[in-house]
C-alpha atoms as a PDB file:
ATOM      1  CA  MET A   1     -39.699 -45.630 -25.364  1.00  0.00           C
ATOM      2  CA  ARG A   2     -37.716 -42.928 -23.528  1.00  0.00           C
ATOM      3  CA  ILE A   3     -34.565 -43.761 -25.483  1.00  0.00           C
ATOM      4  CA  GLY A   4     -36.521 -43.341 -28.714  1.00  0.00           C
ATOM      5  CA  LEU A   5     -37.528 -39.857 -27.585  1.00  0.00           C
ATOM      6  CA  VAL A   6     -33.936 -38.989 -26.724  1.00  0.00           C
ATOM      7  CA  ILE A   7     -32.648 -40.207 -30.062  1.00  0.00           C
ATOM      8  CA  GLY A   8     -35.512 -38.389 -31.805  1.00  0.00           C
ATOM      9  CA  SER A   9     -34.574 -35.152 -30.040  1.00  0.00           C
ATOM     10  CA  LEU A  10     -30.937 -35.588 -31.007  1.00  0.00           C
ATOM     11  CA  ALA A  11     -31.995 -36.278 -34.588  1.00  0.00           C
ATOM     12  CA  CYS A  12     -33.850 -32.968 -34.523  1.00  0.00           C
ATOM     13  CA  PHE A  13     -30.611 -31.314 -33.388  1.00  0.00           C
ATOM     14  CA  ALA A  14     -28.795 -32.922 -36.289  1.00  0.00           C
ATOM     15  CA  ALA A  15     -31.463 -31.827 -38.758  1.00  0.00           C
ATOM     16  CA  SER A  16     -32.102 -28.306 -37.499  1.00  0.00           C
ATOM     17  CA  GLY A  17     -31.863 -26.125 -34.418  1.00  0.00           C
ATOM     18  CA  VAL A  18     -28.569 -24.600 -35.456  1.00  0.00           C
ATOM     19  CA  ALA A  19     -28.436 -21.293 -37.245  1.00  0.00           C
ATOM     20  CA  ALA A  20     -25.396 -19.403 -38.413  1.00  0.00           C
ATOM     21  CA  GLN A  21     -25.118 -15.907 -39.799  1.00  0.00           C
ATOM     22  CA  SER A  22     -22.448 -15.335 -42.460  1.00  0.00           C
ATOM     23  CA  ALA A  23     -21.588 -19.014 -42.528  1.00  0.00           C
ATOM     24  CA  SER A  24     -22.174 -21.847 -44.921  1.00  0.00           C
ATOM     25  CA  GLY A  25     -21.570 -25.555 -44.933  1.00  0.00           C
ATOM     26  CA  ILE A  26     -22.937 -26.245 -41.431  1.00  0.00           C
ATOM     27  CA  SER A  27     -22.640 -29.821 -40.202  1.00  0.00           C
ATOM     28  CA  ARG A  28     -23.618 -31.382 -36.887  1.00  0.00           C
ATOM     29  CA  ALA A  29     -22.779 -34.589 -35.061  1.00  0.00           C
ATOM     30  CA  VAL A  30     -23.749 -36.221 -31.777  1.00  0.00           C
ATOM     31  CA  TYR A  31     -21.438 -38.514 -29.817  1.00  0.00           C
ATOM     32  CA  VAL A  32     -21.790 -40.412 -26.550  1.00  0.00           C
ATOM     33  CA  GLU A  33     -18.986 -40.737 -24.027  1.00  0.00           C
ATOM     34  CA  ARG A  34     -18.453 -44.262 -22.708  1.00  0.00           C
ATOM     35  CA  THR A  35     -16.185 -45.357 -19.869  1.00  0.00           C
ATOM     36  CA  ALA A  36     -14.764 -48.873 -19.717  1.00  0.00           C
ATOM     37  CA  THR A  37     -12.233 -50.690 -17.596  1.00  0.00           C
ATOM     38  CA  THR A  38      -9.402 -52.506 -19.349  1.00  0.00           C
ATOM     39  CA  PRO A  39      -8.321 -56.003 -18.200  1.00  0.00           C
ATOM     40  CA  ASP A  40      -5.441 -54.413 -16.247  1.00  0.00           C
ATOM     41  CA  GLY A  41      -7.875 -52.149 -14.343  1.00  0.00           C
ATOM     42  CA  GLU A  42      -7.295 -48.889 -16.209  1.00  0.00           C
ATOM     43  CA  ARG A  43     -10.377 -46.737 -16.852  1.00  0.00           C
ATOM     44  CA  VAL A  44     -10.621 -45.603 -20.472  1.00  0.00           C
ATOM     45  CA  ARG A  45     -13.028 -43.022 -21.894  1.00  0.00           C
ATOM     46  CA  THR A  46     -14.116 -43.236 -25.514  1.00  0.00           C
ATOM     47  CA  ILE A  47     -16.350 -41.122 -27.727  1.00  0.00           C
ATOM     48  CA  GLU A  48     -18.546 -42.912 -30.258  1.00  0.00           C
ATOM     49  CA  PRO A  49     -21.450 -41.941 -32.528  1.00  0.00           C
ATOM     50  CA  ALA A  50     -24.667 -41.732 -30.495  1.00  0.00           C
ATOM     51  CA  GLU A  51     -26.907 -44.649 -31.394  1.00  0.00           C
ATOM     52  CA  ASP A  52     -27.911 -46.203 -28.085  1.00  0.00           C
ATOM     53  CA  LEU A  53     -28.477 -43.719 -25.252  1.00  0.00           C
ATOM     54  CA  ARG A  54     -29.588 -44.154 -21.660  1.00  0.00           C
ATOM     55  CA  PRO A  55     -30.545 -41.596 -19.011  1.00  0.00           C
ATOM     56  CA  GLY A  56     -27.343 -40.383 -17.397  1.00  0.00           C
ATOM     57  CA  ASP A  57     -25.221 -40.782 -20.544  1.00  0.00           C
ATOM     58  CA  LYS A  58     -22.882 -37.894 -21.325  1.00  0.00           C
ATOM     59  CA  VAL A  59     -23.173 -36.701 -24.923  1.00  0.00           C
ATOM     60  CA  VAL A  60     -20.981 -34.363 -26.933  1.00  0.00           C
ATOM     61  CA  LEU A  61     -22.689 -32.316 -29.632  1.00  0.00           C
ATOM     62  CA  MET A  62     -20.475 -30.825 -32.332  1.00  0.00           C
ATOM     63  CA  VAL A  63     -21.288 -28.025 -34.779  1.00  0.00           C
ATOM     64  CA  GLU A  64     -18.899 -27.234 -37.638  1.00  0.00           C
ATOM     65  CA  TRP A  65     -19.157 -24.504 -40.249  1.00  0.00           C
ATOM     66  CA  ARG A  66     -17.184 -22.647 -42.874  1.00  0.00           C
ATOM     67  CA  GLY A  67     -17.256 -18.876 -43.170  1.00  0.00           C
ATOM     68  CA  ARG A  68     -18.434 -17.335 -46.422  1.00  0.00           C
ATOM     69  CA  ARG A  69     -16.012 -14.430 -46.506  1.00  0.00           C
ATOM     70  CA  SER A  70     -12.909 -13.547 -44.573  1.00  0.00           C
ATOM     71  CA  GLY A  71     -13.578 -10.921 -41.924  1.00  0.00           C
ATOM     72  CA  ASP A  72     -17.303 -11.607 -41.517  1.00  0.00           C
ATOM     73  CA  PRO A  73     -18.540 -12.031 -37.957  1.00  0.00           C
ATOM     74  CA  VAL A  74     -20.209 -15.386 -37.286  1.00  0.00           C
ATOM     75  CA  THR A  75     -23.029 -16.202 -34.872  1.00  0.00           C
ATOM     76  CA  VAL A  76     -24.021 -19.821 -34.320  1.00  0.00           C
ATOM     77  CA  SER A  77     -26.995 -20.714 -32.132  1.00  0.00           C
ATOM     78  CA  SER A  78     -28.575 -23.980 -31.066  1.00  0.00           C
ATOM     79  CA  ALA A  79     -31.573 -25.071 -29.039  1.00  0.00           C
ATOM     80  CA  VAL A  80     -30.723 -27.607 -26.332  1.00  0.00           C
ATOM     81  CA  PRO A  81     -33.110 -30.571 -26.726  1.00  0.00           C
ATOM     82  CA  ARG A  82     -35.408 -30.951 -23.680  1.00  0.00           C
ATOM     83  CA  THR A  83     -34.110 -34.489 -23.181  1.00  0.00           C
ATOM     84  CA  LEU A  84     -30.630 -33.093 -22.455  1.00  0.00           C
ATOM     85  CA  ALA A  85     -29.207 -31.108 -19.547  1.00  0.00           C
ATOM     86  CA  PHE A  86     -26.476 -28.742 -20.793  1.00  0.00           C
ATOM     87  CA  GLN A  87     -23.125 -29.045 -18.989  1.00  0.00           C
ATOM     88  CA  ARG A  88     -20.392 -26.980 -20.696  1.00  0.00           C
ATOM     89  CA  SER A  89     -19.111 -25.579 -23.987  1.00  0.00           C
ATOM     90  CA  SER A  90     -15.751 -25.788 -25.717  1.00  0.00           C
ATOM     91  CA  SER A  91     -15.734 -22.037 -26.375  1.00  0.00           C
ATOM     92  CA  ASP A  92     -15.632 -19.026 -24.058  1.00  0.00           C
ATOM     93  CA  ALA A  93     -17.629 -17.111 -26.682  1.00  0.00           C
ATOM     94  CA  LEU A  94     -20.754 -18.825 -25.319  1.00  0.00           C
ATOM     95  CA  GLU A  95     -23.911 -16.961 -24.351  1.00  0.00           C
ATOM     96  CA  VAL A  96     -26.911 -18.847 -22.987  1.00  0.00           C
ATOM     97  CA  SER A  97     -30.644 -18.395 -22.747  1.00  0.00           C
ATOM     98  CA  VAL A  98     -32.784 -19.886 -19.992  1.00  0.00           C
ATOM     99  CA  ASP A  99     -36.090 -18.618 -21.409  1.00  0.00           C
ATOM    100  CA  GLY A 100     -36.364 -20.130 -24.868  1.00  0.00           C
ATOM    101  CA  GLY A 101     -34.040 -17.675 -26.622  1.00  0.00           C
ATOM    102  CA  ARG A 102     -35.720 -14.416 -25.577  1.00  0.00           C
ATOM    103  CA  ASN A 103     -32.856 -13.163 -23.370  1.00  0.00           C
ATOM    104  CA  TRP A 104     -29.137 -13.903 -23.601  1.00  0.00           C
ATOM    105  CA  GLY A 105     -26.168 -13.630 -21.258  1.00  0.00           C
ATOM    106  CA  ARG A 106     -23.300 -15.459 -19.620  1.00  0.00           C
ATOM    107  CA  LEU A 107     -24.061 -18.431 -17.396  1.00  0.00           C
ATOM    108  CA  GLY A 108     -23.599 -17.205 -13.831  1.00  0.00           C
ATOM    109  CA  THR A 109     -25.356 -13.920 -14.574  1.00  0.00           C
ATOM    110  CA  MET A 110     -28.704 -15.239 -15.810  1.00  0.00           C
ATOM    111  CA  ARG A 111     -31.571 -15.504 -13.315  1.00  0.00           C
ATOM    112  CA  ILE A 112     -34.640 -17.719 -13.394  1.00  0.00           C
ATOM    113  CA  ALA A 113     -37.929 -17.718 -11.465  1.00  0.00           C
ATOM    114  CA  ASP A 114     -37.967 -20.369  -8.768  1.00  0.00           C
ATOM    115  CA  GLY A 115     -41.097 -20.636  -6.633  1.00  0.00           C
ATOM    116  CA  ASP A 116     -41.513 -17.305  -4.838  1.00  0.00           C
ATOM    117  CA  GLY A 117     -38.319 -15.639  -6.023  1.00  0.00           C
ATOM    118  CA  MET A 118     -35.439 -15.581  -8.446  1.00  0.00           C
ATOM    119  CA  ARG A 119     -32.237 -17.637  -8.395  1.00  0.00           C
ATOM    120  CA  LEU A 120     -29.111 -17.882 -10.516  1.00  0.00           C
ATOM    121  CA  ALA A 121     -29.663 -20.219 -13.442  1.00  0.00           C
ATOM    122  CA  SER A 122     -27.732 -23.478 -13.417  1.00  0.00           C
ATOM    123  CA  PRO A 123     -26.365 -25.253 -16.502  1.00  0.00           C
ATOM    124  CA  GLU A 124     -29.377 -27.597 -16.444  1.00  0.00           C
ATOM    125  CA  ASP A 125     -31.710 -24.573 -16.914  1.00  0.00           C
ATOM    126  CA  VAL A 126     -30.153 -23.619 -20.269  1.00  0.00           C
ATOM    127  CA  THR A 127     -32.581 -23.830 -23.214  1.00  0.00           C
ATOM    128  CA  HIS A 128     -30.463 -22.267 -25.996  1.00  0.00           C
ATOM    129  CA  LEU A 129     -26.798 -21.656 -26.764  1.00  0.00           C
ATOM    130  CA  ARG A 130     -25.204 -18.936 -28.877  1.00  0.00           C
ATOM    131  CA  TRP A 131     -21.594 -18.431 -29.889  1.00  0.00           C
ATOM    132  CA  ARG A 132     -20.601 -15.079 -31.408  1.00  0.00           C
ATOM    133  CA  PHE A 133     -17.253 -14.631 -33.111  1.00  0.00           C
ATOM    134  CA  ASP A 134     -16.979 -10.933 -33.947  1.00  0.00           C
ATOM    135  CA  ASP A 135     -13.286 -10.712 -34.772  1.00  0.00           C
ATOM    136  CA  GLY A 136     -13.809 -12.262 -38.197  1.00  0.00           C
ATOM    137  CA  SER A 137     -10.915 -14.702 -37.889  1.00  0.00           C
ATOM    138  CA  VAL A 138     -13.180 -17.708 -37.388  1.00  0.00           C
ATOM    139  CA  ALA A 139     -15.250 -16.868 -40.464  1.00  0.00           C
ATOM    140  CA  ALA A 140     -12.206 -17.101 -42.705  1.00  0.00           C
ATOM    141  CA  ARG A 141     -11.754 -20.803 -42.065  1.00  0.00           C
ATOM    142  CA  ALA A 142     -13.624 -23.891 -41.008  1.00  0.00           C
ATOM    143  CA  ALA A 143     -14.513 -23.758 -37.320  1.00  0.00           C
ATOM    144  CA  ARG A 144     -16.041 -26.021 -34.700  1.00  0.00           C
ATOM    145  CA  VAL A 145     -17.719 -25.686 -31.321  1.00  0.00           C
ATOM    146  CA  THR A 146     -18.822 -28.494 -29.071  1.00  0.00           C
ATOM    147  CA  TYR A 147     -20.907 -28.742 -25.971  1.00  0.00           C
ATOM    148  CA  SER A 148     -21.538 -31.532 -23.533  1.00  0.00           C
ATOM    149  CA  ALA A 149     -24.820 -32.528 -21.950  1.00  0.00           C
ATOM    150  CA  ILE A 150     -26.327 -35.302 -19.855  1.00  0.00           C
ATOM    151  CA  VAL A 151     -29.288 -37.361 -21.090  1.00  0.00           C
ATOM    152  CA  ARG A 152     -32.216 -36.715 -18.716  1.00  0.00           C
END
């Protein structure tokens, strides 16, 4: 049952949850990272389309887009499904939200209520991601960002 909810949440990511300004042709994909040991004892990591997920699995979510016009700034945002705990992004242009998209900032500067006080937000607290490319160079060509997360 839980796996069905995880896959359903990831399907929602693939269907929506990503918005881009000044971009067209947005596509999304979800992969799971698997680790195996070869017969000679070497550990090998592979990435495969996410079909069968278990709590603790590491997933890689990929968003690709194509800019409409050269020079346009591009902003891409995505909700992190509740069944995932954000880990890291492939781009330094990342801003995060820990309150459902109301406030944005860099991870390490965001604070969250914790019991009687406030604490620095951890990657697992992230609810939304936003990448802003203001220099216009990304909008002139196809671009991609990825982020990794752990299945809760």
